Amino acid sequence: MIDVKRRVFLKGSAAAGAVVAAAGAGLIAPQAVLAEWNEAAFRSKSVADAVKAVTGTDASVESADIKIKAPEIAENGAVVPVSVSSSIAGVTAISILAASNPSPMVASFALGETTVADVSTRIKMGKTGDVIAVVQAGDKVYTAKKEVKVTIGGCGG
């Protein structure tokens, strides 16, 4: 008679083996579920180039309807908590940039039509600089910025 622990172990091993075999055969393709990466935006070396790569335009308007929540002083630039929210109607995307970073684009979020325009993440900042939020709504681009002072750099500094 097989005890219960051995039976559970054998079932788990069989299931894991099936998943590994399916992945090896190409039946499970993780690329199909991953988001598309805007390489040009994330490899840009300037804020202007990154914004143009992600939005397709140079034109943007500064807006008080965008709120950036970030610390005034970040003790460690490797983990700076940033939240961006907007009361602008019809927001389809929110991007976050750290102006002083070698590659300023740090995050980009595509939002559904009924999604609340509110995102949070942790970013790396190499040194003190502006955190810039870029909000796309319809065919318009809105921006806001907030300075964050960094005491210990998080980008190798």
Protein backbone atom coordinates (compact mmCIF):
# COMPACT_ATOMS: atom_id res chain seq x y z
CA MET A 1 0.00 0.00 0.00
CA ILE A 2 1.35 3.45 -0.99
CA ASP A 3 1.24 6.06 1.75
CA VAL A 4 -0.40 9.46 1.12
CA LYS A 5 2.83 11.51 1.16
CA ARG A 6 4.40 9.33 -1.51
CA ARG A 7 1.25 9.52 -3.66
CA VAL A 8 1.22 13.35 -3.45
CA PHE A 9 4.93 13.47 -4.30
CA LEU A 10 4.47 11.20 -7.33
CA LYS A 11 1.50 13.23 -8.63
CA GLY A 12 3.43 16.48 -8.19
CA SER A 13 6.46 15.04 -9.95
CA ALA A 14 4.34 13.84 -12.87
CA ALA A 15 2.68 17.27 -13.20
CA ALA A 16 6.03 19.08 -13.08
CA GLY A 17 7.45 16.69 -15.67
CA ALA A 18 4.50 17.37 -17.98
CA VAL A 19 5.00 21.15 -17.69
CA VAL A 20 8.74 20.85 -18.39
CA ALA A 21 8.07 18.62 -21.41
CA ALA A 22 5.46 21.06 -22.77
CA ALA A 23 7.83 24.01 -22.32
CA GLY A 24 10.65 22.10 -23.99
CA ALA A 25 8.41 21.28 -26.94
CA GLY A 26 7.49 24.96 -27.35
CA LEU A 27 3.86 24.43 -26.41
CA ILE A 28 4.13 26.96 -23.60
CA ALA A 29 5.50 30.21 -25.02
CA PRO A 30 6.06 32.85 -22.32
CA GLN A 31 6.67 35.46 -25.03
CA ALA A 32 2.99 35.25 -25.91
CA VAL A 33 1.95 36.54 -22.49
CA LEU A 34 4.65 39.16 -22.00
CA ALA A 35 3.98 42.82 -22.78
CA GLU A 36 5.55 44.43 -25.83
CA TRP A 37 8.75 46.34 -24.99
CA ASN A 38 9.34 49.80 -26.45
CA GLU A 39 13.09 49.42 -26.89
CA ALA A 40 13.61 52.92 -28.35
CA ALA A 41 11.98 54.59 -25.34
CA PHE A 42 13.90 52.59 -22.75
CA ARG A 43 17.26 52.98 -24.53
CA SER A 44 16.88 56.75 -25.08
CA LYS A 45 19.54 58.90 -23.44
CA SER A 46 17.44 62.07 -23.07
CA VAL A 47 14.00 62.83 -21.65
CA ALA A 48 12.85 64.41 -24.93
CA ASP A 49 13.85 61.34 -26.98
CA ALA A 50 12.20 58.96 -24.50
CA VAL A 51 8.94 60.95 -24.47
CA LYS A 52 8.86 61.09 -28.27
CA ALA A 53 9.55 57.35 -28.53
CA VAL A 54 6.74 56.43 -26.13
CA THR A 55 4.14 58.99 -27.30
CA GLY A 56 5.07 59.62 -30.91
CA THR A 57 5.09 63.41 -30.46
CA ASP A 58 7.18 66.26 -29.07
CA ALA A 59 4.13 68.26 -28.01
CA SER A 60 3.07 68.02 -24.38
CA VAL A 61 1.25 70.21 -21.88
CA GLU A 62 2.09 70.50 -18.19
CA SER A 63 -0.96 69.60 -16.11
CA ALA A 64 -1.95 70.12 -12.48
CA ASP A 65 -4.35 67.16 -12.90
CA ILE A 66 -1.40 64.76 -12.61
CA LYS A 67 -0.25 63.95 -9.08
CA ILE A 68 3.17 62.45 -8.38
CA LYS A 69 3.67 60.92 -4.96
CA ALA A 70 7.36 60.40 -4.21
CA PRO A 71 9.58 61.17 -1.23
CA GLU A 72 11.19 64.63 -1.02
CA ILE A 73 14.41 62.88 0.02
CA ALA A 74 15.17 59.28 -0.98
CA GLU A 75 17.59 57.64 1.45
CA ASN A 76 18.49 54.98 -1.13
CA GLY A 77 18.21 55.68 -4.86
CA ALA A 78 17.98 51.94 -5.60
CA VAL A 79 14.37 51.78 -4.33
CA VAL A 80 12.44 55.02 -4.67
CA PRO A 81 8.66 54.52 -4.32
CA VAL A 82 6.70 56.51 -6.92
CA SER A 83 2.95 56.74 -7.52
CA VAL A 84 1.30 58.64 -10.35
CA SER A 85 -2.41 59.39 -10.57
CA SER A 86 -4.44 61.56 -12.90
CA SER A 87 -7.95 62.97 -12.97
CA ILE A 88 -7.72 63.56 -16.73
CA ALA A 89 -10.47 61.69 -18.59
CA GLY A 90 -9.61 58.88 -21.00
CA VAL A 91 -6.05 58.12 -19.87
CA THR A 92 -4.56 55.31 -21.99
CA ALA A 93 -0.95 55.29 -20.77
CA ILE A 94 1.27 56.55 -17.96
CA SER A 95 5.06 56.64 -18.20
CA ILE A 96 7.56 57.53 -15.49
CA LEU A 97 10.99 59.02 -16.18
CA ALA A 98 13.94 59.91 -13.94
CA ALA A 99 15.56 62.89 -15.67
CA SER A 100 18.99 62.43 -14.08
CA ASN A 101 19.35 58.74 -15.00
CA PRO A 102 21.58 57.71 -17.94
CA SER A 103 18.47 56.16 -19.52
CA PRO A 104 15.59 58.27 -18.17
CA MET A 105 12.60 56.01 -19.04
CA VAL A 106 12.00 53.79 -15.99
CA ALA A 107 8.40 52.57 -16.39
CA SER A 108 5.52 52.63 -18.85
CA PHE A 109 1.98 51.40 -18.20
CA ALA A 110 -0.73 50.83 -20.83
CA LEU A 111 -4.19 51.28 -19.32
CA GLY A 112 -7.57 49.99 -20.45
CA GLU A 113 -10.48 52.33 -21.13
CA THR A 114 -12.14 51.75 -17.77
CA THR A 115 -8.94 51.54 -15.71
CA VAL A 116 -8.42 54.12 -12.97
CA ALA A 117 -5.37 56.23 -13.86
CA ASP A 118 -3.31 55.36 -10.79
CA VAL A 119 -0.02 53.42 -10.90
CA SER A 120 2.70 52.70 -8.35
CA THR A 121 6.18 51.23 -8.62
CA ARG A 122 9.69 51.51 -7.22
CA ILE A 123 12.34 53.08 -9.43
CA LYS A 124 16.12 53.49 -9.40
CA MET A 125 17.60 56.97 -9.37
CA GLY A 126 21.32 57.55 -9.78
CA LYS A 127 21.28 61.04 -8.30
CA THR A 128 19.02 63.94 -7.36
CA GLY A 129 16.70 64.96 -10.18
CA ASP A 130 13.16 65.31 -11.45
CA VAL A 131 10.72 62.43 -11.60
CA ILE A 132 8.57 63.11 -14.65
CA ALA A 133 5.13 61.63 -15.29
CA VAL A 134 3.88 61.48 -18.88
CA VAL A 135 0.15 60.83 -19.28
CA GLN A 136 -1.48 60.05 -22.61
CA ALA A 137 -5.20 60.73 -23.02
CA GLY A 138 -6.72 60.57 -26.48
CA ASP A 139 -4.33 62.32 -28.85
CA LYS A 140 -2.92 64.62 -26.15
CA VAL A 141 0.15 64.25 -23.95
CA TYR A 142 0.34 65.77 -20.46
CA THR A 143 3.30 65.98 -18.09
CA ALA A 144 4.13 66.77 -14.48
CA LYS A 145 7.36 66.64 -12.51
CA LYS A 146 8.63 66.51 -8.95
CA GLU A 147 12.19 66.82 -7.69
CA VAL A 148 13.51 63.97 -5.55
CA LYS A 149 16.77 64.38 -3.64
CA VAL A 150 18.82 61.18 -3.53
CA THR A 151 21.38 60.64 -0.76
CA ILE A 152 22.79 57.28 -1.99
CA GLY A 153 22.66 56.67 -5.76
CA GLY A 154 20.97 53.54 -7.06
CA CYS A 155 22.42 53.38 -10.58
CA GLY A 156 25.93 52.31 -9.69
CA GLY A 157 26.67 55.63 -7.94
